[in-house]
Amino acid sequence: MKIAISSDHGGNNLRKEIMALLDELNISYEDFGPTSSDSVDYPDYAKPVAEGVASGNFDRGILICGTGIGMSIAANKVKGIRCALVHDVFSAKATRCHNDSNILAMGERVIGPGLAREIVQAWLNTDFEGGRHTRRVEKISELEG
């Protein structure tokens, strides 16, 4: 599995924590920054992750900002992306099982690093159930036009 990861300035610390987790789990990733804590515009950092996942260059993506809201909205504008904003383990599993989410968004100002690690592990280790959920995910794709 190869992960694309990015944040804005509000998610820098949590992004570094998640990259350390990915290193511990021996999961390959590419960091799309930012490289400093200076204020940046989250759409500029959501875009390369979303495009990388949509193109198939990455299996999944992780986006972090202060709340996760801006990153998830921006990522979901890219065709083929199903970005889920998650702040609990149950939802992390459910969005993989039922929605086949391919990008995870989280908010550094909403959750701490311990919970974020649990969420990421649950999300990475949960498979899409398929079955009746396949039809629903296909209907989401139809909405993209």
N, C-alpha and C. Protein backbone atom coordinates (compact mmCIF):
# COMPACT_ATOMS: atom_id res chain seq x y z
N MET A 1 0.84 -1.18 0.00
CA MET A 1 0.00 0.00 0.00
C MET A 1 0.88 1.24 0.00
N LYS A 2 0.50 2.22 -0.82
CA LYS A 2 1.23 3.49 -0.86
C LYS A 2 0.25 4.62 -0.55
N ILE A 3 0.64 5.47 0.40
CA ILE A 3 -0.21 6.54 0.91
C ILE A 3 0.34 7.90 0.49
N ALA A 4 -0.56 8.80 0.11
CA ALA A 4 -0.22 10.21 -0.09
C ALA A 4 -0.72 10.94 1.15
N ILE A 5 0.10 11.81 1.73
CA ILE A 5 -0.28 12.51 2.95
C ILE A 5 0.07 13.98 2.84
N SER A 6 -0.80 14.82 3.41
CA SER A 6 -0.55 16.25 3.43
C SER A 6 -1.37 16.90 4.53
N SER A 7 -1.05 18.15 4.79
CA SER A 7 -1.80 18.93 5.77
C SER A 7 -1.70 20.39 5.38
N ASP A 8 -2.36 21.22 6.14
CA ASP A 8 -2.06 22.64 6.08
C ASP A 8 -1.30 22.97 7.37
N HIS A 9 -1.09 24.23 7.63
CA HIS A 9 -0.34 24.62 8.84
C HIS A 9 -1.05 24.16 10.12
N GLY A 10 -2.38 24.07 10.10
CA GLY A 10 -3.13 23.64 11.27
C GLY A 10 -3.05 22.15 11.55
N GLY A 11 -2.50 21.39 10.62
CA GLY A 11 -2.39 19.94 10.80
C GLY A 11 -0.97 19.42 10.78
N ASN A 12 0.01 20.32 10.78
CA ASN A 12 1.42 19.93 10.68
C ASN A 12 1.86 18.92 11.74
N ASN A 13 1.54 19.19 12.99
CA ASN A 13 2.00 18.31 14.07
C ASN A 13 1.40 16.93 13.97
N LEU A 14 0.11 16.87 13.68
CA LEU A 14 -0.55 15.57 13.57
C LEU A 14 -0.06 14.81 12.34
N ARG A 15 0.22 15.53 11.25
CA ARG A 15 0.77 14.88 10.05
C ARG A 15 2.09 14.20 10.37
N LYS A 16 2.93 14.87 11.12
CA LYS A 16 4.22 14.28 11.49
C LYS A 16 4.02 13.05 12.37
N GLU A 17 3.05 13.10 13.26
CA GLU A 17 2.73 11.95 14.11
C GLU A 17 2.26 10.76 13.26
N ILE A 18 1.43 11.03 12.27
CA ILE A 18 0.92 9.96 11.41
C ILE A 18 2.02 9.42 10.50
N MET A 19 2.92 10.27 10.04
CA MET A 19 4.04 9.77 9.24
C MET A 19 4.93 8.85 10.08
N ALA A 20 5.11 9.19 11.35
CA ALA A 20 5.88 8.31 12.24
C ALA A 20 5.18 6.96 12.39
N LEU A 21 3.85 6.99 12.49
CA LEU A 21 3.09 5.73 12.56
C LEU A 21 3.26 4.92 11.29
N LEU A 22 3.17 5.56 10.15
CA LEU A 22 3.35 4.85 8.88
C LEU A 22 4.75 4.24 8.78
N ASP A 23 5.75 4.96 9.28
CA ASP A 23 7.10 4.40 9.34
C ASP A 23 7.14 3.16 10.22
N GLU A 24 6.51 3.23 11.39
CA GLU A 24 6.47 2.09 12.31
C GLU A 24 5.79 0.89 11.68
N LEU A 25 4.76 1.14 10.86
CA LEU A 25 4.00 0.07 10.22
C LEU A 25 4.62 -0.37 8.89
N ASN A 26 5.75 0.25 8.52
CA ASN A 26 6.42 -0.04 7.24
C ASN A 26 5.49 0.17 6.04
N ILE A 27 4.70 1.23 6.11
CA ILE A 27 3.81 1.58 5.01
C ILE A 27 4.45 2.73 4.24
N SER A 28 4.56 2.54 2.94
CA SER A 28 5.16 3.54 2.07
C SER A 28 4.24 4.75 1.93
N TYR A 29 4.84 5.94 1.94
CA TYR A 29 4.04 7.16 1.78
C TYR A 29 4.88 8.24 1.12
N GLU A 30 4.16 9.21 0.56
CA GLU A 30 4.81 10.42 0.05
C GLU A 30 4.18 11.61 0.77
N ASP A 31 5.03 12.46 1.31
CA ASP A 31 4.61 13.64 2.05
C ASP A 31 4.52 14.83 1.09
N PHE A 32 3.34 15.43 1.00
CA PHE A 32 3.14 16.58 0.13
C PHE A 32 3.18 17.90 0.91
N GLY A 33 3.70 17.85 2.12
CA GLY A 33 3.95 19.06 2.89
C GLY A 33 2.74 19.56 3.65
N PRO A 34 2.91 20.78 4.14
CA PRO A 34 3.92 21.80 3.87
C PRO A 34 5.21 21.56 4.65
N THR A 35 6.23 22.32 4.29
CA THR A 35 7.54 22.14 4.92
C THR A 35 7.79 23.09 6.07
N SER A 36 6.87 24.03 6.32
CA SER A 36 7.02 24.96 7.45
C SER A 36 5.67 25.13 8.14
N SER A 37 5.66 25.86 9.22
CA SER A 37 4.41 26.10 9.95
C SER A 37 3.75 27.41 9.53
N ASP A 38 4.25 28.03 8.45
CA ASP A 38 3.65 29.25 7.93
C ASP A 38 2.24 28.95 7.41
N SER A 39 1.36 29.93 7.51
CA SER A 39 -0.01 29.78 7.04
C SER A 39 -0.03 29.46 5.54
N VAL A 40 -0.83 28.46 5.18
CA VAL A 40 -1.00 28.06 3.78
C VAL A 40 -2.48 27.85 3.50
N ASP A 41 -2.83 27.70 2.24
CA ASP A 41 -4.21 27.46 1.84
C ASP A 41 -4.43 25.97 1.65
N TYR A 42 -5.34 25.40 2.45
CA TYR A 42 -5.55 23.94 2.44
C TYR A 42 -5.90 23.36 1.08
N PRO A 43 -6.65 24.05 0.18
CA PRO A 43 -6.92 23.42 -1.12
C PRO A 43 -5.65 23.11 -1.91
N ASP A 44 -4.61 23.94 -1.72
CA ASP A 44 -3.35 23.71 -2.43
C ASP A 44 -2.67 22.42 -1.98
N TYR A 45 -2.98 21.95 -0.79
CA TYR A 45 -2.37 20.74 -0.24
C TYR A 45 -3.28 19.52 -0.37
N ALA A 46 -4.58 19.76 -0.45
CA ALA A 46 -5.52 18.66 -0.68
C ALA A 46 -5.44 18.18 -2.13
N LYS A 47 -5.25 19.11 -3.05
CA LYS A 47 -5.29 18.80 -4.48
C LYS A 47 -4.28 17.72 -4.91
N PRO A 48 -2.99 17.84 -4.60
CA PRO A 48 -2.07 16.81 -5.10
C PRO A 48 -2.34 15.42 -4.50
N VAL A 49 -2.80 15.38 -3.27
CA VAL A 49 -3.14 14.09 -2.66
C VAL A 49 -4.34 13.49 -3.36
N ALA A 50 -5.40 14.29 -3.54
CA ALA A 50 -6.61 13.79 -4.19
C ALA A 50 -6.34 13.36 -5.63
N GLU A 51 -5.59 14.18 -6.35
CA GLU A 51 -5.27 13.81 -7.74
C GLU A 51 -4.39 12.57 -7.80
N GLY A 52 -3.48 12.43 -6.86
CA GLY A 52 -2.62 11.24 -6.82
C GLY A 52 -3.39 9.97 -6.54
N VAL A 53 -4.36 10.05 -5.66
CA VAL A 53 -5.20 8.88 -5.37
C VAL A 53 -6.13 8.59 -6.54
N ALA A 54 -6.76 9.63 -7.08
CA ALA A 54 -7.69 9.44 -8.20
C ALA A 54 -7.00 8.85 -9.42
N SER A 55 -5.74 9.21 -9.64
CA SER A 55 -5.00 8.71 -10.81
C SER A 55 -4.47 7.29 -10.62
N GLY A 56 -4.51 6.81 -9.37
CA GLY A 56 -3.99 5.47 -9.09
C GLY A 56 -2.53 5.45 -8.71
N ASN A 57 -1.88 6.61 -8.64
CA ASN A 57 -0.49 6.65 -8.22
C ASN A 57 -0.33 6.30 -6.74
N PHE A 58 -1.39 6.49 -5.98
CA PHE A 58 -1.42 6.14 -4.56
C PHE A 58 -2.67 5.33 -4.29
N ASP A 59 -2.58 4.39 -3.36
CA ASP A 59 -3.73 3.57 -3.01
C ASP A 59 -4.75 4.36 -2.19
N ARG A 60 -4.24 5.16 -1.26
CA ARG A 60 -5.10 5.97 -0.39
C ARG A 60 -4.37 7.24 0.01
N GLY A 61 -5.13 8.17 0.60
CA GLY A 61 -4.55 9.41 1.05
C GLY A 61 -5.01 9.78 2.44
N ILE A 62 -4.22 10.62 3.10
CA ILE A 62 -4.56 11.14 4.43
C ILE A 62 -4.33 12.65 4.40
N LEU A 63 -5.36 13.40 4.81
CA LEU A 63 -5.31 14.85 4.83
C LEU A 63 -5.65 15.37 6.22
N ILE A 64 -4.91 16.37 6.69
CA ILE A 64 -5.11 16.89 8.03
C ILE A 64 -5.07 18.41 7.98
N CYS A 65 -6.07 19.03 8.61
CA CYS A 65 -6.04 20.47 8.83
C CYS A 65 -6.55 20.70 10.25
N GLY A 66 -6.90 21.92 10.58
CA GLY A 66 -7.34 22.19 11.94
C GLY A 66 -8.55 21.39 12.34
N THR A 67 -9.56 21.35 11.46
CA THR A 67 -10.78 20.59 11.74
C THR A 67 -10.95 19.38 10.84
N GLY A 68 -10.27 19.36 9.71
CA GLY A 68 -10.46 18.32 8.71
C GLY A 68 -11.54 18.68 7.70
N ILE A 69 -12.34 19.69 8.01
CA ILE A 69 -13.48 20.05 7.16
C ILE A 69 -13.02 20.60 5.81
N GLY A 70 -12.15 21.59 5.83
CA GLY A 70 -11.70 22.20 4.57
C GLY A 70 -11.01 21.21 3.66
N MET A 71 -10.13 20.39 4.23
CA MET A 71 -9.42 19.38 3.44
C MET A 71 -10.41 18.40 2.80
N SER A 72 -11.40 17.95 3.57
CA SER A 72 -12.34 16.97 3.03
C SER A 72 -13.20 17.58 1.92
N ILE A 73 -13.63 18.82 2.11
CA ILE A 73 -14.42 19.47 1.06
C ILE A 73 -13.59 19.60 -0.21
N ALA A 74 -12.36 20.08 -0.08
CA ALA A 74 -11.50 20.26 -1.26
C ALA A 74 -11.21 18.94 -1.95
N ALA A 75 -10.87 17.92 -1.21
CA ALA A 75 -10.54 16.61 -1.81
C ALA A 75 -11.72 16.03 -2.55
N ASN A 76 -12.91 16.19 -2.00
CA ASN A 76 -14.10 15.61 -2.62
C ASN A 76 -14.52 16.30 -3.91
N LYS A 77 -13.87 17.38 -4.27
CA LYS A 77 -14.13 18.02 -5.56
C LYS A 77 -13.43 17.30 -6.70
N VAL A 78 -12.50 16.41 -6.39
CA VAL A 78 -11.76 15.67 -7.41
C VAL A 78 -12.52 14.38 -7.74
N LYS A 79 -12.81 14.19 -9.01
CA LYS A 79 -13.56 13.02 -9.47
C LYS A 79 -12.86 11.73 -9.02
N GLY A 80 -13.64 10.84 -8.45
CA GLY A 80 -13.12 9.54 -8.01
C GLY A 80 -12.71 9.50 -6.55
N ILE A 81 -12.80 10.64 -5.89
CA ILE A 81 -12.40 10.68 -4.48
C ILE A 81 -13.61 10.54 -3.58
N ARG A 82 -13.43 9.72 -2.57
CA ARG A 82 -14.42 9.55 -1.50
C ARG A 82 -13.67 9.81 -0.19
N CYS A 83 -13.56 11.09 0.14
CA CYS A 83 -12.83 11.50 1.33
C CYS A 83 -13.80 11.56 2.51
N ALA A 84 -13.44 10.90 3.58
CA ALA A 84 -14.27 10.88 4.79
C ALA A 84 -13.58 11.63 5.92
N LEU A 85 -14.32 12.54 6.52
CA LEU A 85 -13.85 13.26 7.70
C LEU A 85 -14.20 12.40 8.90
N VAL A 86 -13.17 11.98 9.63
CA VAL A 86 -13.36 11.00 10.71
C VAL A 86 -12.67 11.47 11.99
N HIS A 87 -13.38 11.34 13.11
CA HIS A 87 -12.81 11.67 14.41
C HIS A 87 -13.07 10.60 15.46
N ASP A 88 -13.41 9.39 15.00
CA ASP A 88 -13.59 8.27 15.92
C ASP A 88 -13.31 6.96 15.17
N VAL A 89 -12.98 5.93 15.92
CA VAL A 89 -12.58 4.65 15.33
C VAL A 89 -13.74 3.96 14.63
N PHE A 90 -14.94 4.01 15.21
CA PHE A 90 -16.10 3.37 14.59
C PHE A 90 -16.32 3.92 13.17
N SER A 91 -16.30 5.25 13.04
CA SER A 91 -16.52 5.86 11.73
C SER A 91 -15.41 5.52 10.75
N ALA A 92 -14.18 5.39 11.24
CA ALA A 92 -13.06 5.01 10.38
C ALA A 92 -13.30 3.64 9.76
N LYS A 93 -13.77 2.71 10.57
CA LYS A 93 -14.08 1.38 10.05
C LYS A 93 -15.28 1.41 9.11
N ALA A 94 -16.32 2.13 9.52
CA ALA A 94 -17.55 2.17 8.73
C ALA A 94 -17.34 2.79 7.35
N THR A 95 -16.53 3.83 7.29
CA THR A 95 -16.33 4.49 5.99
C THR A 95 -15.53 3.62 5.03
N ARG A 96 -14.72 2.73 5.55
CA ARG A 96 -14.04 1.77 4.67
C ARG A 96 -15.01 0.65 4.29
N CYS A 97 -15.70 0.08 5.26
CA CYS A 97 -16.62 -1.04 5.01
C CYS A 97 -17.74 -0.67 4.05
N HIS A 98 -18.36 0.47 4.28
CA HIS A 98 -19.58 0.82 3.58
C HIS A 98 -19.39 1.81 2.44
N ASN A 99 -18.41 2.70 2.54
CA ASN A 99 -18.25 3.76 1.55
C ASN A 99 -17.01 3.62 0.69
N ASP A 100 -16.15 2.67 1.00
CA ASP A 100 -14.90 2.46 0.27
C ASP A 100 -14.13 3.77 0.16
N SER A 101 -14.06 4.52 1.27
CA SER A 101 -13.35 5.81 1.25
C SER A 101 -11.89 5.58 0.87
N ASN A 102 -11.38 6.51 0.06
CA ASN A 102 -9.99 6.37 -0.37
C ASN A 102 -9.10 7.49 0.18
N ILE A 103 -9.70 8.46 0.85
CA ILE A 103 -8.94 9.47 1.58
C ILE A 103 -9.57 9.67 2.95
N LEU A 104 -8.71 9.76 3.94
CA LEU A 104 -9.11 10.01 5.32
C LEU A 104 -8.74 11.44 5.67
N ALA A 105 -9.68 12.20 6.21
CA ALA A 105 -9.40 13.56 6.69
C ALA A 105 -9.62 13.60 8.19
N MET A 106 -8.74 14.32 8.89
CA MET A 106 -8.84 14.47 10.34
C MET A 106 -8.49 15.90 10.71
N GLY A 107 -8.91 16.30 11.90
CA GLY A 107 -8.62 17.63 12.40
C GLY A 107 -7.72 17.61 13.62
N GLU A 108 -6.57 18.24 13.51
CA GLU A 108 -5.61 18.27 14.62
C GLU A 108 -6.17 19.00 15.84
N ARG A 109 -7.02 19.98 15.62
CA ARG A 109 -7.59 20.74 16.74
C ARG A 109 -8.79 20.03 17.35
N VAL A 110 -9.17 18.90 16.77
CA VAL A 110 -10.34 18.15 17.23
C VAL A 110 -9.94 16.90 18.02
N ILE A 111 -8.90 16.22 17.55
CA ILE A 111 -8.48 14.97 18.20
C ILE A 111 -6.98 15.02 18.53
N GLY A 112 -6.60 14.20 19.47
CA GLY A 112 -5.19 14.11 19.85
C GLY A 112 -4.47 13.04 19.06
N PRO A 113 -3.15 12.98 19.24
CA PRO A 113 -2.34 12.04 18.46
C PRO A 113 -2.64 10.57 18.75
N GLY A 114 -2.97 10.23 19.98
CA GLY A 114 -3.25 8.82 20.29
C GLY A 114 -4.48 8.32 19.56
N LEU A 115 -5.55 9.09 19.61
CA LEU A 115 -6.77 8.71 18.90
C LEU A 115 -6.55 8.73 17.40
N ALA A 116 -5.82 9.71 16.91
CA ALA A 116 -5.53 9.78 15.47
C ALA A 116 -4.81 8.52 15.00
N ARG A 117 -3.87 8.04 15.77
CA ARG A 117 -3.15 6.81 15.42
C ARG A 117 -4.12 5.63 15.34
N GLU A 118 -5.02 5.53 16.31
CA GLU A 118 -6.01 4.44 16.31
C GLU A 118 -6.92 4.53 15.09
N ILE A 119 -7.34 5.74 14.77
CA ILE A 119 -8.21 5.95 13.60
C ILE A 119 -7.50 5.52 12.33
N VAL A 120 -6.27 5.96 12.15
CA VAL A 120 -5.52 5.62 10.94
C VAL A 120 -5.32 4.11 10.83
N GLN A 121 -4.96 3.47 11.91
CA GLN A 121 -4.76 2.01 11.87
C GLN A 121 -6.07 1.29 11.52
N ALA A 122 -7.17 1.71 12.12
CA ALA A 122 -8.46 1.09 11.82
C ALA A 122 -8.82 1.30 10.35
N TRP A 123 -8.61 2.51 9.87
CA TRP A 123 -8.96 2.84 8.48
C TRP A 123 -8.09 2.06 7.50
N LEU A 124 -6.80 1.95 7.79
CA LEU A 124 -5.90 1.23 6.89
C LEU A 124 -6.16 -0.27 6.89
N ASN A 125 -6.62 -0.81 8.01
CA ASN A 125 -6.78 -2.26 8.15
C ASN A 125 -8.19 -2.76 7.88
N THR A 126 -9.08 -1.90 7.44
CA THR A 126 -10.46 -2.30 7.18
C THR A 126 -10.69 -2.34 5.68
N ASP A 127 -11.27 -3.43 5.23
CA ASP A 127 -11.56 -3.61 3.81
C ASP A 127 -12.99 -3.19 3.48
N PHE A 128 -13.22 -2.86 2.23
CA PHE A 128 -14.55 -2.57 1.73
C PHE A 128 -15.34 -3.88 1.69
N GLU A 129 -16.57 -3.86 2.21
CA GLU A 129 -17.41 -5.07 2.25
C GLU A 129 -17.97 -5.46 0.90
N GLY A 130 -18.15 -4.49 0.01
CA GLY A 130 -18.77 -4.79 -1.27
C GLY A 130 -20.24 -5.09 -1.09
N GLY A 131 -20.75 -6.07 -1.84
CA GLY A 131 -22.16 -6.43 -1.73
C GLY A 131 -23.07 -5.25 -2.02
N ARG A 132 -24.07 -5.05 -1.16
CA ARG A 132 -25.04 -3.97 -1.37
C ARG A 132 -24.38 -2.59 -1.35
N HIS A 133 -23.21 -2.50 -0.70
CA HIS A 133 -22.52 -1.21 -0.63
C HIS A 133 -21.90 -0.83 -1.98
N THR A 134 -21.59 -1.80 -2.80
CA THR A 134 -21.03 -1.52 -4.13
C THR A 134 -22.01 -0.69 -4.94
N ARG A 135 -23.27 -1.07 -4.92
CA ARG A 135 -24.30 -0.34 -5.66
C ARG A 135 -24.36 1.12 -5.19
N ARG A 136 -24.23 1.33 -3.91
CA ARG A 136 -24.32 2.68 -3.35
C ARG A 136 -23.10 3.52 -3.73
N VAL A 137 -21.93 2.90 -3.69
CA VAL A 137 -20.71 3.62 -4.08
C VAL A 137 -20.77 3.96 -5.57
N GLU A 138 -21.31 3.06 -6.38
CA GLU A 138 -21.46 3.33 -7.81
C GLU A 138 -22.40 4.51 -8.03
N LYS A 139 -23.44 4.64 -7.21
CA LYS A 139 -24.36 5.77 -7.33
C LYS A 139 -23.67 7.08 -6.96
N ILE A 140 -22.74 7.03 -6.02
CA ILE A 140 -21.95 8.22 -5.70
C ILE A 140 -21.13 8.63 -6.92
N SER A 141 -20.51 7.65 -7.58
CA SER A 141 -19.71 7.92 -8.77
C SER A 141 -20.57 8.53 -9.87
N GLU A 142 -21.82 8.07 -10.01
CA GLU A 142 -22.72 8.63 -11.02
C GLU A 142 -23.00 10.11 -10.77
N LEU A 143 -23.00 10.53 -9.52
CA LEU A 143 -23.24 11.92 -9.19
C LEU A 143 -22.13 12.84 -9.72
N GLU A 144 -20.95 12.26 -9.94
CA GLU A 144 -19.81 13.04 -10.42
C GLU A 144 -19.96 13.42 -11.90
N GLY A 145 -20.87 12.73 -12.58
CA GLY A 145 -21.11 13.05 -13.99
C GLY A 145 -20.20 12.39 -14.95
